[in-house]
Amino acid sequence: MTSTSTHDETAVAESITVCRAEELPEGAMRLIEAEGRKIGVFRCGGELYAIEDRCSHDDGPLAEGEFDAAACTVECPRHGSLFDLRTGRPKTLPAFLPVETFEARIENGEVKLDH
């Protein structure tokens, strides 16, 4: 009997290219889709942060909200919950559950996302 296990494959994050590094300057955001999920990639404080584009309160499109690069937050456009891009945790109600975050980095002049 032959068995194929995908356990090892799922433990390794898949990396995708978002854009060239210069196409995502400080204070900018890119929205991408990876395996049917939308992910917002933000640059603030010289760092890259990536969060799922789904408010934990009512599934609102987070990346469409107001992005404050100085505070490194994004505000859900539906009900105003403010999310910390570094942690995915909401800073204000009505959301109280965090959203998923992803590893983003610059590699060979390209913004890469592990999902």
PDB file of N, CA and C in Angstrom:
ATOM      1  N   MET A   1       0.842  -1.174   0.000  1.00  0.00           N
ATOM      2  CA  MET A   1       0.000   0.000   0.000  1.00  0.00           C
ATOM      3  C   MET A   1       0.888   1.238   0.000  1.00  0.00           C
ATOM      4  N   THR A   2       0.623   2.148  -0.885  1.00  0.00           N
ATOM      5  CA  THR A   2       1.401   3.370  -0.985  1.00  0.00           C
ATOM      6  C   THR A   2       0.600   4.523  -0.398  1.00  0.00           C
ATOM      7  N   SER A   3       1.267   5.302   0.408  1.00  0.00           N
ATOM      8  CA  SER A   3       0.608   6.439   1.034  1.00  0.00           C
ATOM      9  C   SER A   3       1.354   7.710   0.661  1.00  0.00           C
ATOM     10  N   THR A   4       0.629   8.726   0.303  1.00  0.00           N
ATOM     11  CA  THR A   4       1.256  10.013   0.026  1.00  0.00           C
ATOM     12  C   THR A   4       0.828  10.980   1.106  1.00  0.00           C
ATOM     13  N   SER A   5       1.796  11.608   1.709  1.00  0.00           N
ATOM     14  CA  SER A   5       1.511  12.550   2.793  1.00  0.00           C
ATOM     15  C   SER A   5       1.819  13.958   2.332  1.00  0.00           C
ATOM     16  N   THR A   6       0.908  14.855   2.597  1.00  0.00           N
ATOM     17  CA  THR A   6       1.141  16.258   2.272  1.00  0.00           C
ATOM     18  C   THR A   6       1.518  17.050   3.512  1.00  0.00           C
ATOM     19  N   HIS A   7       1.719  16.340   4.634  1.00  0.00           N
ATOM     20  CA  HIS A   7       2.034  17.029   5.890  1.00  0.00           C
ATOM     21  C   HIS A   7       3.290  17.889   5.750  1.00  0.00           C
ATOM     22  N   ASP A   8       4.357  17.325   5.177  1.00  0.00           N
ATOM     23  CA  ASP A   8       5.593  18.075   5.025  1.00  0.00           C
ATOM     24  C   ASP A   8       5.416  19.248   4.065  1.00  0.00           C
ATOM     25  N   GLU A   9       4.612  19.072   3.026  1.00  0.00           N
ATOM     26  CA  GLU A   9       4.382  20.141   2.056  1.00  0.00           C
ATOM     27  C   GLU A   9       3.619  21.303   2.676  1.00  0.00           C
ATOM     28  N   THR A  10       2.664  21.023   3.545  1.00  0.00           N
ATOM     29  CA  THR A  10       1.883  22.113   4.133  1.00  0.00           C
ATOM     30  C   THR A  10       2.658  22.841   5.213  1.00  0.00           C
ATOM     31  N   ALA A  11       3.708  22.241   5.750  1.00  0.00           N
ATOM     32  CA  ALA A  11       4.506  22.894   6.777  1.00  0.00           C
ATOM     33  C   ALA A  11       5.392  23.979   6.169  1.00  0.00           C
ATOM     34  N   VAL A  12       5.664  23.895   4.881  1.00  0.00           N
ATOM     35  CA  VAL A  12       6.510  24.870   4.209  1.00  0.00           C
ATOM     36  C   VAL A  12       5.619  25.913   3.545  1.00  0.00           C
ATOM     37  N   ALA A  13       5.845  27.167   3.898  1.00  0.00           N
ATOM     38  CA  ALA A  13       5.046  28.244   3.314  1.00  0.00           C
ATOM     39  C   ALA A  13       5.445  28.457   1.858  1.00  0.00           C
ATOM     40  N   GLU A  14       4.455  28.726   1.045  1.00  0.00           N
ATOM     41  CA  GLU A  14       4.701  29.009  -0.356  1.00  0.00           C
ATOM     42  C   GLU A  14       4.965  30.494  -0.504  1.00  0.00           C
ATOM     43  N   SER A  15       5.951  30.852  -1.295  1.00  0.00           N
ATOM     44  CA  SER A  15       6.325  32.247  -1.485  1.00  0.00           C
ATOM     45  C   SER A  15       5.848  32.716  -2.854  1.00  0.00           C
ATOM     46  N   ILE A  16       5.257  33.905  -2.883  1.00  0.00           N
ATOM     47  CA  ILE A  16       4.841  34.494  -4.150  1.00  0.00           C
ATOM     48  C   ILE A  16       5.405  35.902  -4.258  1.00  0.00           C
ATOM     49  N   THR A  17       5.604  36.352  -5.475  1.00  0.00           N
ATOM     50  CA  THR A  17       6.105  37.695  -5.718  1.00  0.00           C
ATOM     51  C   THR A  17       4.926  38.663  -5.782  1.00  0.00           C
ATOM     52  N   VAL A  18       5.007  39.729  -4.993  1.00  0.00           N
ATOM     53  CA  VAL A  18       3.951  40.747  -4.956  1.00  0.00           C
ATOM     54  C   VAL A  18       4.219  41.800  -6.026  1.00  0.00           C
ATOM     55  N   CYS A  19       5.437  42.345  -6.025  1.00  0.00           N
ATOM     56  CA  CYS A  19       5.825  43.389  -6.963  1.00  0.00           C
ATOM     57  C   CYS A  19       7.313  43.673  -6.777  1.00  0.00           C
ATOM     58  N   ARG A  20       7.864  44.559  -7.585  1.00  0.00           N
ATOM     59  CA  ARG A  20       9.233  45.030  -7.384  1.00  0.00           C
ATOM     60  C   ARG A  20       9.235  45.901  -6.131  1.00  0.00           C
ATOM     61  N   ALA A  21      10.320  45.893  -5.393  1.00  0.00           N
ATOM     62  CA  ALA A  21      10.407  46.637  -4.131  1.00  0.00           C
ATOM     63  C   ALA A  21      10.121  48.125  -4.331  1.00  0.00           C
ATOM     64  N   GLU A  22      10.611  48.701  -5.422  1.00  0.00           N
ATOM     65  CA  GLU A  22      10.399  50.136  -5.652  1.00  0.00           C
ATOM     66  C   GLU A  22       8.940  50.473  -5.985  1.00  0.00           C
ATOM     67  N   GLU A  23       8.139  49.467  -6.307  1.00  0.00           N
ATOM     68  CA  GLU A  23       6.721  49.683  -6.597  1.00  0.00           C
ATOM     69  C   GLU A  23       5.863  49.707  -5.334  1.00  0.00           C
ATOM     70  N   LEU A  24       6.494  49.490  -4.174  1.00  0.00           N
ATOM     71  CA  LEU A  24       5.781  49.533  -2.897  1.00  0.00           C
ATOM     72  C   LEU A  24       6.556  50.448  -1.947  1.00  0.00           C
ATOM     73  N   PRO A  25       6.488  51.771  -2.194  1.00  0.00           N
ATOM     74  CA  PRO A  25       7.235  52.712  -1.351  1.00  0.00           C
ATOM     75  C   PRO A  25       6.588  52.867   0.027  1.00  0.00           C
ATOM     76  N   GLU A  26       7.271  53.569   0.887  1.00  0.00           N
ATOM     77  CA  GLU A  26       6.749  53.867   2.223  1.00  0.00           C
ATOM     78  C   GLU A  26       5.353  54.471   2.104  1.00  0.00           C
ATOM     79  N   GLY A  27       4.415  53.957   2.912  1.00  0.00           N
ATOM     80  CA  GLY A  27       3.045  54.468   2.922  1.00  0.00           C
ATOM     81  C   GLY A  27       2.146  53.877   1.849  1.00  0.00           C
ATOM     82  N   ALA A  28       2.645  52.884   1.115  1.00  0.00           N
ATOM     83  CA  ALA A  28       1.857  52.282   0.039  1.00  0.00           C
ATOM     84  C   ALA A  28       1.319  50.914   0.457  1.00  0.00           C
ATOM     85  N   MET A  29       0.304  50.448  -0.293  1.00  0.00           N
ATOM     86  CA  MET A  29      -0.321  49.157  -0.052  1.00  0.00           C
ATOM     87  C   MET A  29      -0.570  48.489  -1.395  1.00  0.00           C
ATOM     88  N   ARG A  30      -0.428  47.174  -1.409  1.00  0.00           N
ATOM     89  CA  ARG A  30      -0.770  46.367  -2.583  1.00  0.00           C
ATOM     90  C   ARG A  30      -1.721  45.284  -2.128  1.00  0.00           C
ATOM     91  N   LEU A  31      -2.765  45.055  -2.895  1.00  0.00           N
ATOM     92  CA  LEU A  31      -3.716  43.993  -2.606  1.00  0.00           C
ATOM     93  C   LEU A  31      -3.466  42.877  -3.605  1.00  0.00           C
ATOM     94  N   ILE A  32      -3.254  41.664  -3.095  1.00  0.00           N
ATOM     95  CA  ILE A  32      -3.021  40.523  -3.972  1.00  0.00           C
ATOM     96  C   ILE A  32      -3.997  39.411  -3.617  1.00  0.00           C
ATOM     97  N   GLU A  33      -4.095  38.444  -4.514  1.00  0.00           N
ATOM     98  CA  GLU A  33      -4.909  37.274  -4.242  1.00  0.00           C
ATOM     99  C   GLU A  33      -4.015  36.048  -4.347  1.00  0.00           C
ATOM    100  N   ALA A  34      -4.058  35.211  -3.314  1.00  0.00           N
ATOM    101  CA  ALA A  34      -3.259  33.997  -3.273  1.00  0.00           C
ATOM    102  C   ALA A  34      -4.160  32.841  -2.859  1.00  0.00           C
ATOM    103  N   GLU A  35      -4.324  31.891  -3.743  1.00  0.00           N
ATOM    104  CA  GLU A  35      -5.159  30.721  -3.482  1.00  0.00           C
ATOM    105  C   GLU A  35      -6.559  31.100  -3.001  1.00  0.00           C
ATOM    106  N   GLY A  36      -7.150  32.084  -3.678  1.00  0.00           N
ATOM    107  CA  GLY A  36      -8.514  32.491  -3.377  1.00  0.00           C
ATOM    108  C   GLY A  36      -8.658  33.416  -2.187  1.00  0.00           C
ATOM    109  N   ARG A  37      -7.553  33.775  -1.533  1.00  0.00           N
ATOM    110  CA  ARG A  37      -7.596  34.684  -0.381  1.00  0.00           C
ATOM    111  C   ARG A  37      -6.973  36.015  -0.765  1.00  0.00           C
ATOM    112  N   LYS A  38      -7.593  37.100  -0.345  1.00  0.00           N
ATOM    113  CA  LYS A  38      -7.031  38.423  -0.593  1.00  0.00           C
ATOM    114  C   LYS A  38      -6.169  38.813   0.608  1.00  0.00           C
ATOM    115  N   ILE A  39      -5.003  39.377   0.289  1.00  0.00           N
ATOM    116  CA  ILE A  39      -4.035  39.772   1.311  1.00  0.00           C
ATOM    117  C   ILE A  39      -3.545  41.166   0.977  1.00  0.00           C
ATOM    118  N   GLY A  40      -3.557  42.051   1.979  1.00  0.00           N
ATOM    119  CA  GLY A  40      -3.025  43.394   1.819  1.00  0.00           C
ATOM    120  C   GLY A  40      -1.580  43.425   2.296  1.00  0.00           C
ATOM    121  N   VAL A  41      -0.690  43.958   1.451  1.00  0.00           N
ATOM    122  CA  VAL A  41       0.724  44.096   1.807  1.00  0.00           C
ATOM    123  C   VAL A  41       1.001  45.592   1.941  1.00  0.00           C
ATOM    124  N   PHE A  42       1.467  45.999   3.114  1.00  0.00           N
ATOM    125  CA  PHE A  42       1.650  47.406   3.458  1.00  0.00           C
ATOM    126  C   PHE A  42       3.111  47.680   3.786  1.00  0.00           C
ATOM    127  N   ARG A  43       3.560  48.920   3.502  1.00  0.00           N
ATOM    128  CA  ARG A  43       4.898  49.323   3.926  1.00  0.00           C
ATOM    129  C   ARG A  43       4.746  50.524   4.853  1.00  0.00           C
ATOM    130  N   CYS A  44       5.170  50.327   6.085  1.00  0.00           N
ATOM    131  CA  CYS A  44       5.151  51.423   7.054  1.00  0.00           C
ATOM    132  C   CYS A  44       6.336  51.272   8.003  1.00  0.00           C
ATOM    133  N   GLY A  45       6.904  52.396   8.384  1.00  0.00           N
ATOM    134  CA  GLY A  45       8.058  52.383   9.277  1.00  0.00           C
ATOM    135  C   GLY A  45       9.242  51.654   8.676  1.00  0.00           C
ATOM    136  N   GLY A  46       9.322  51.633   7.342  1.00  0.00           N
ATOM    137  CA  GLY A  46      10.417  50.957   6.673  1.00  0.00           C
ATOM    138  C   GLY A  46      10.282  49.441   6.629  1.00  0.00           C
ATOM    139  N   GLU A  47       9.194  48.909   7.156  1.00  0.00           N
ATOM    140  CA  GLU A  47       8.971  47.465   7.206  1.00  0.00           C
ATOM    141  C   GLU A  47       7.797  47.071   6.317  1.00  0.00           C
ATOM    142  N   LEU A  48       7.716  45.787   5.991  1.00  0.00           N
ATOM    143  CA  LEU A  48       6.601  45.238   5.234  1.00  0.00           C
ATOM    144  C   LEU A  48       5.718  44.427   6.168  1.00  0.00           C
ATOM    145  N   TYR A  49       4.413  44.619   6.028  1.00  0.00           N
ATOM    146  CA  TYR A  49       3.433  43.871   6.821  1.00  0.00           C
ATOM    147  C   TYR A  49       2.346  43.376   5.889  1.00  0.00           C
ATOM    148  N   ALA A  50       1.862  42.178   6.154  1.00  0.00           N
ATOM    149  CA  ALA A  50       0.811  41.596   5.322  1.00  0.00           C
ATOM    150  C   ALA A  50      -0.264  41.005   6.220  1.00  0.00           C
ATOM    151  N   ILE A  51      -1.526  41.361   5.925  1.00  0.00           N
ATOM    152  CA  ILE A  51      -2.664  40.835   6.688  1.00  0.00           C
ATOM    153  C   ILE A  51      -3.757  40.414   5.723  1.00  0.00           C
ATOM    154  N   GLU A  52      -4.595  39.502   6.195  1.00  0.00           N
ATOM    155  CA  GLU A  52      -5.710  39.089   5.346  1.00  0.00           C
ATOM    156  C   GLU A  52      -6.648  40.277   5.162  1.00  0.00           C
ATOM    157  N   ASP A  53      -7.219  40.370   3.996  1.00  0.00           N
ATOM    158  CA  ASP A  53      -8.112  41.479   3.642  1.00  0.00           C
ATOM    159  C   ASP A  53      -9.536  41.118   4.057  1.00  0.00           C
ATOM    160  N   ARG A  54      -9.707  40.937   5.379  1.00  0.00           N
ATOM    161  CA  ARG A  54     -11.019  40.531   5.887  1.00  0.00           C
ATOM    162  C   ARG A  54     -11.132  40.960   7.337  1.00  0.00           C
ATOM    163  N   CYS A  55     -12.015  41.890   7.599  1.00  0.00           N
ATOM    164  CA  CYS A  55     -12.243  42.332   8.969  1.00  0.00           C
ATOM    165  C   CYS A  55     -12.836  41.168   9.772  1.00  0.00           C
ATOM    166  N   SER A  56     -12.317  40.959  10.968  1.00  0.00           N
ATOM    167  CA  SER A  56     -12.811  39.860  11.802  1.00  0.00           C
ATOM    168  C   SER A  56     -14.196  40.152  12.380  1.00  0.00           C
ATOM    169  N   HIS A  57     -14.670  41.374  12.229  1.00  0.00           N
ATOM    170  CA  HIS A  57     -16.005  41.722  12.731  1.00  0.00           C
ATOM    171  C   HIS A  57     -17.098  41.286  11.768  1.00  0.00           C
ATOM    172  N   ASP A  58     -16.970  41.679  10.479  1.00  0.00           N
ATOM    173  CA  ASP A  58     -18.042  41.325   9.531  1.00  0.00           C
ATOM    174  C   ASP A  58     -17.531  41.033   8.129  1.00  0.00           C
ATOM    175  N   ASP A  59     -16.269  40.620   8.033  1.00  0.00           N
ATOM    176  CA  ASP A  59     -15.656  40.262   6.752  1.00  0.00           C
ATOM    177  C   ASP A  59     -15.506  41.430   5.793  1.00  0.00           C
ATOM    178  N   GLY A  60     -15.481  42.642   6.309  1.00  0.00           N
ATOM    179  CA  GLY A  60     -15.290  43.824   5.468  1.00  0.00           C
ATOM    180  C   GLY A  60     -13.917  43.830   4.820  1.00  0.00           C
ATOM    181  N   PRO A  61     -13.757  44.549   3.704  1.00  0.00           N
ATOM    182  CA  PRO A  61     -12.494  44.592   2.964  1.00  0.00           C
ATOM    183  C   PRO A  61     -11.491  45.552   3.618  1.00  0.00           C
ATOM    184  N   LEU A  62     -10.652  45.050   4.491  1.00  0.00           N
ATOM    185  CA  LEU A  62      -9.723  45.896   5.243  1.00  0.00           C
ATOM    186  C   LEU A  62      -8.831  46.760   4.366  1.00  0.00           C
ATOM    187  N   ALA A  63      -8.278  46.184   3.316  1.00  0.00           N
ATOM    188  CA  ALA A  63      -7.321  46.915   2.487  1.00  0.00           C
ATOM    189  C   ALA A  63      -7.933  48.136   1.809  1.00  0.00           C
ATOM    190  N   GLU A  64      -9.260  48.194   1.723  1.00  0.00           N
ATOM    191  CA  GLU A  64      -9.928  49.362   1.142  1.00  0.00           C
ATOM    192  C   GLU A  64     -10.056  50.498   2.151  1.00  0.00           C
ATOM    193  N   GLY A  65      -9.735  50.200   3.410  1.00  0.00           N
ATOM    194  CA  GLY A  65      -9.863  51.202   4.462  1.00  0.00           C
ATOM    195  C   GLY A  65      -8.698  52.169   4.486  1.00  0.00           C
ATOM    196  N   GLU A  66      -8.794  53.151   5.379  1.00  0.00           N
ATOM    197  CA  GLU A  66      -7.763  54.169   5.506  1.00  0.00           C
ATOM    198  C   GLU A  66      -6.517  53.578   6.155  1.00  0.00           C
ATOM    199  N   PHE A  67      -5.394  53.711   5.462  1.00  0.00           N
ATOM    200  CA  PHE A  67      -4.103  53.195   5.913  1.00  0.00           C
ATOM    201  C   PHE A  67      -3.317  54.355   6.507  1.00  0.00           C
ATOM    202  N   ASP A  68      -2.943  54.238   7.772  1.00  0.00           N
ATOM    203  CA  ASP A  68      -2.138  55.252   8.455  1.00  0.00           C
ATOM    204  C   ASP A  68      -0.725  54.692   8.598  1.00  0.00           C
ATOM    205  N   ALA A  69       0.174  55.116   7.696  1.00  0.00           N
ATOM    206  CA  ALA A  69       1.543  54.598   7.692  1.00  0.00           C
ATOM    207  C   ALA A  69       2.306  55.006   8.946  1.00  0.00           C
ATOM    208  N   ALA A  70       2.023  56.186   9.493  1.00  0.00           N
ATOM    209  CA  ALA A  70       2.720  56.643  10.693  1.00  0.00           C
ATOM    210  C   ALA A  70       2.383  55.771  11.901  1.00  0.00           C
ATOM    211  N   ALA A  71       1.116  55.364  12.015  1.00  0.00           N
ATOM    212  CA  ALA A  71       0.680  54.526  13.135  1.00  0.00           C
ATOM    213  C   ALA A  71       0.758  53.034  12.797  1.00  0.00           C
ATOM    214  N   CYS A  72       0.957  52.718  11.532  1.00  0.00           N
ATOM    215  CA  CYS A  72       1.006  51.329  11.039  1.00  0.00           C
ATOM    216  C   CYS A  72      -0.320  50.610  11.334  1.00  0.00           C
ATOM    217  N   THR A  73      -1.424  51.276  10.939  1.00  0.00           N
ATOM    218  CA  THR A  73      -2.755  50.729  11.144  1.00  0.00           C
ATOM    219  C   THR A  73      -3.574  50.866   9.861  1.00  0.00           C
ATOM    220  N   VAL A  74      -4.646  50.081   9.802  1.00  0.00           N
ATOM    221  CA  VAL A  74      -5.624  50.204   8.727  1.00  0.00           C
ATOM    222  C   VAL A  74      -7.001  50.158   9.387  1.00  0.00           C
ATOM    223  N   GLU A  75      -7.910  50.980   8.886  1.00  0.00           N
ATOM    224  CA  GLU A  75      -9.252  51.082   9.450  1.00  0.00           C
ATOM    225  C   GLU A  75     -10.257  50.415   8.525  1.00  0.00           C
ATOM    226  N   CYS A  76     -11.065  49.516   9.075  1.00  0.00           N
ATOM    227  CA  CYS A  76     -12.090  48.866   8.274  1.00  0.00           C
ATOM    228  C   CYS A  76     -13.081  49.922   7.775  1.00  0.00           C
ATOM    229  N   PRO A  77     -13.353  49.952   6.468  1.00  0.00           N
ATOM    230  CA  PRO A  77     -14.246  50.971   5.932  1.00  0.00           C
ATOM    231  C   PRO A  77     -15.711  50.780   6.316  1.00  0.00           C
ATOM    232  N   ARG A  78     -16.083  49.621   6.814  1.00  0.00           N
ATOM    233  CA  ARG A  78     -17.492  49.383   7.154  1.00  0.00           C
ATOM    234  C   ARG A  78     -17.888  49.962   8.510  1.00  0.00           C
ATOM    235  N   HIS A  79     -17.172  49.567   9.563  1.00  0.00           N
ATOM    236  CA  HIS A  79     -17.577  49.980  10.905  1.00  0.00           C
ATOM    237  C   HIS A  79     -16.465  50.637  11.712  1.00  0.00           C
ATOM    238  N   GLY A  80     -15.316  50.875  11.090  1.00  0.00           N
ATOM    239  CA  GLY A  80     -14.273  51.676  11.710  1.00  0.00           C
ATOM    240  C   GLY A  80     -13.320  50.980  12.659  1.00  0.00           C
ATOM    241  N   SER A  81     -13.327  49.665  12.741  1.00  0.00           N
ATOM    242  CA  SER A  81     -12.333  48.992  13.594  1.00  0.00           C
ATOM    243  C   SER A  81     -10.944  49.272  13.045  1.00  0.00           C
ATOM    244  N   LEU A  82     -10.053  49.621  13.945  1.00  0.00           N
ATOM    245  CA  LEU A  82      -8.672  49.938  13.598  1.00  0.00           C
ATOM    246  C   LEU A  82      -7.803  48.721  13.895  1.00  0.00           C
ATOM    247  N   PHE A  83      -7.031  48.254  12.904  1.00  0.00           N
ATOM    248  CA  PHE A  83      -6.187  47.069  13.064  1.00  0.00           C
ATOM    249  C   PHE A  83      -4.716  47.442  13.025  1.00  0.00           C
ATOM    250  N   ASP A  84      -3.937  46.847  13.929  1.00  0.00           N
ATOM    251  CA  ASP A  84      -2.486  47.006  13.962  1.00  0.00           C
ATOM    252  C   ASP A  84      -1.901  46.079  12.897  1.00  0.00           C
ATOM    253  N   LEU A  85      -1.199  46.635  11.935  1.00  0.00           N
ATOM    254  CA  LEU A  85      -0.648  45.835  10.843  1.00  0.00           C
ATOM    255  C   LEU A  85       0.469  44.912  11.308  1.00  0.00           C
ATOM    256  N   ARG A  86       1.138  45.262  12.398  1.00  0.00           N
ATOM    257  CA  ARG A  86       2.247  44.441  12.903  1.00  0.00           C
ATOM    258  C   ARG A  86       1.760  43.129  13.507  1.00  0.00           C
ATOM    259  N   THR A  87       0.574  43.162  14.121  1.00  0.00           N
ATOM    260  CA  THR A  87       0.090  41.986  14.854  1.00  0.00           C
ATOM    261  C   THR A  87      -1.207  41.409  14.301  1.00  0.00           C
ATOM    262  N   GLY A  88      -1.961  42.206  13.536  1.00  0.00           N
ATOM    263  CA  GLY A  88      -3.275  41.775  13.054  1.00  0.00           C
ATOM    264  C   GLY A  88      -4.368  41.967  14.094  1.00  0.00           C
ATOM    265  N   ARG A  89      -4.014  42.500  15.259  1.00  0.00           N
ATOM    266  CA  ARG A  89      -4.992  42.667  16.334  1.00  0.00           C
ATOM    267  C   ARG A  89      -5.762  43.981  16.190  1.00  0.00           C
ATOM    268  N   PRO A  90      -7.058  43.945  16.470  1.00  0.00           N
ATOM    269  CA  PRO A  90      -7.839  45.189  16.429  1.00  0.00           C
ATOM    270  C   PRO A  90      -7.489  46.071  17.622  1.00  0.00           C
ATOM    271  N   LYS A  91      -7.463  47.356  17.384  1.00  0.00           N
ATOM    272  CA  LYS A  91      -7.185  48.324  18.446  1.00  0.00           C
ATOM    273  C   LYS A  91      -8.467  48.978  18.941  1.00  0.00           C
ATOM    274  N   THR A  92      -9.539  48.878  18.134  1.00  0.00           N
ATOM    275  CA  THR A  92     -10.825  49.467  18.508  1.00  0.00           C
ATOM    276  C   THR A  92     -11.954  48.497  18.155  1.00  0.00           C
ATOM    277  N   LEU A  93     -13.065  48.676  18.811  1.00  0.00           N
ATOM    278  CA  LEU A  93     -14.273  47.890  18.532  1.00  0.00           C
ATOM    279  C   LEU A  93     -14.940  48.419  17.270  1.00  0.00           C
ATOM    280  N   PRO A  94     -15.813  47.686  16.632  1.00  0.00           N
ATOM    281  CA  PRO A  94     -16.485  46.497  17.129  1.00  0.00           C
ATOM    282  C   PRO A  94     -15.693  45.198  16.964  1.00  0.00           C
ATOM    283  N   ALA A  95     -14.614  45.188  16.177  1.00  0.00           N
ATOM    284  CA  ALA A  95     -13.829  43.952  16.038  1.00  0.00           C
ATOM    285  C   ALA A  95     -13.076  43.683  17.334  1.00  0.00           C
ATOM    286  N   PHE A  96     -12.980  42.410  17.702  1.00  0.00           N
ATOM    287  CA  PHE A  96     -12.209  42.059  18.891  1.00  0.00           C
ATOM    288  C   PHE A  96     -11.302  40.859  18.652  1.00  0.00           C
ATOM    289  N   LEU A  97     -11.450  40.196  17.509  1.00  0.00           N
ATOM    290  CA  LEU A  97     -10.584  39.077  17.155  1.00  0.00           C
ATOM    291  C   LEU A  97      -9.536  39.539  16.147  1.00  0.00           C
ATOM    292  N   PRO A  98      -8.312  39.017  16.248  1.00  0.00           N
ATOM    293  CA  PRO A  98      -7.278  39.405  15.282  1.00  0.00           C
ATOM    294  C   PRO A  98      -7.534  38.787  13.913  1.00  0.00           C
ATOM    295  N   VAL A  99      -6.889  39.345  12.899  1.00  0.00           N
ATOM    296  CA  VAL A  99      -6.904  38.777  11.555  1.00  0.00           C
ATOM    297  C   VAL A  99      -5.545  38.125  11.325  1.00  0.00           C
ATOM    298  N   GLU A 100      -5.497  37.236  10.350  1.00  0.00           N
ATOM    299  CA  GLU A 100      -4.257  36.514  10.080  1.00  0.00           C
ATOM    300  C   GLU A 100      -3.204  37.439   9.477  1.00  0.00           C
ATOM    301  N   THR A 101      -1.962  37.250   9.892  1.00  0.00           N
ATOM    302  CA  THR A 101      -0.840  38.001   9.335  1.00  0.00           C
ATOM    303  C   THR A 101       0.055  37.028   8.568  1.00  0.00           C
ATOM    304  N   PHE A 102       0.861  37.575   7.673  1.00  0.00           N
ATOM    305  CA  PHE A 102       1.738  36.774   6.835  1.00  0.00           C
ATOM    306  C   PHE A 102       3.119  37.403   6.811  1.00  0.00           C
ATOM    307  N   GLU A 103       4.108  36.598   6.539  1.00  0.00           N
ATOM    308  CA  GLU A 103       5.489  37.069   6.439  1.00  0.00           C
ATOM    309  C   GLU A 103       5.699  37.709   5.073  1.00  0.00           C
ATOM    310  N   ALA A 104       6.213  38.939   5.067  1.00  0.00           N
ATOM    311  CA  ALA A 104       6.545  39.640   3.827  1.00  0.00           C
ATOM    312  C   ALA A 104       7.981  40.130   3.948  1.00  0.00           C
ATOM    313  N   ARG A 105       8.697  40.132   2.834  1.00  0.00           N
ATOM    314  CA  ARG A 105      10.100  40.521   2.861  1.00  0.00           C
ATOM    315  C   ARG A 105      10.532  40.986   1.472  1.00  0.00           C
ATOM    316  N   ILE A 106      11.714  41.583   1.422  1.00  0.00           N
ATOM    317  CA  ILE A 106      12.307  41.942   0.136  1.00  0.00           C
ATOM    318  C   ILE A 106      13.428  40.947  -0.136  1.00  0.00           C
ATOM    319  N   GLU A 107      13.359  40.359  -1.314  1.00  0.00           N
ATOM    320  CA  GLU A 107      14.349  39.353  -1.737  1.00  0.00           C
ATOM    321  C   GLU A 107      14.694  39.618  -3.189  1.00  0.00           C
ATOM    322  N   ASN A 108      15.962  39.850  -3.452  1.00  0.00           N
ATOM    323  CA  ASN A 108      16.421  40.122  -4.826  1.00  0.00           C
ATOM    324  C   ASN A 108      15.648  41.264  -5.489  1.00  0.00           C
ATOM    325  N   GLY A 109      15.369  42.305  -4.716  1.00  0.00           N
ATOM    326  CA  GLY A 109      14.687  43.476  -5.253  1.00  0.00           C
ATOM    327  C   GLY A 109      13.198  43.319  -5.449  1.00  0.00           C
ATOM    328  N   GLU A 110      12.626  42.205  -4.962  1.00  0.00           N
ATOM    329  CA  GLU A 110      11.184  41.959  -5.097  1.00  0.00           C
ATOM    330  C   GLU A 110      10.545  41.784  -3.736  1.00  0.00           C
ATOM    331  N   VAL A 111       9.291  42.236  -3.609  1.00  0.00           N
ATOM    332  CA  VAL A 111       8.524  42.001  -2.403  1.00  0.00           C
ATOM    333  C   VAL A 111       7.956  40.591  -2.507  1.00  0.00           C
ATOM    334  N   LYS A 112       8.268  39.768  -1.510  1.00  0.00           N
ATOM    335  CA  LYS A 112       7.821  38.377  -1.468  1.00  0.00           C
ATOM    336  C   LYS A 112       6.887  38.192  -0.292  1.00  0.00           C
ATOM    337  N   LEU A 113       5.926  37.325  -0.464  1.00  0.00           N
ATOM    338  CA  LEU A 113       4.943  37.031   0.573  1.00  0.00           C
ATOM    339  C   LEU A 113       4.894  35.534   0.778  1.00  0.00           C
ATOM    340  N   ASP A 114       4.996  35.115   2.044  1.00  0.00           N
ATOM    341  CA  ASP A 114       4.824  33.708   2.390  1.00  0.00           C
ATOM    342  C   ASP A 114       3.390  33.523   2.857  1.00  0.00           C
ATOM    343  N   HIS A 115       2.704  32.584   2.254  1.00  0.00           N
ATOM    344  CA  HIS A 115       1.305  32.354   2.635  1.00  0.00           C
ATOM    345  C   HIS A 115       1.026  30.899   2.847  1.00  0.00           C
TER     346      HIS A 115
END
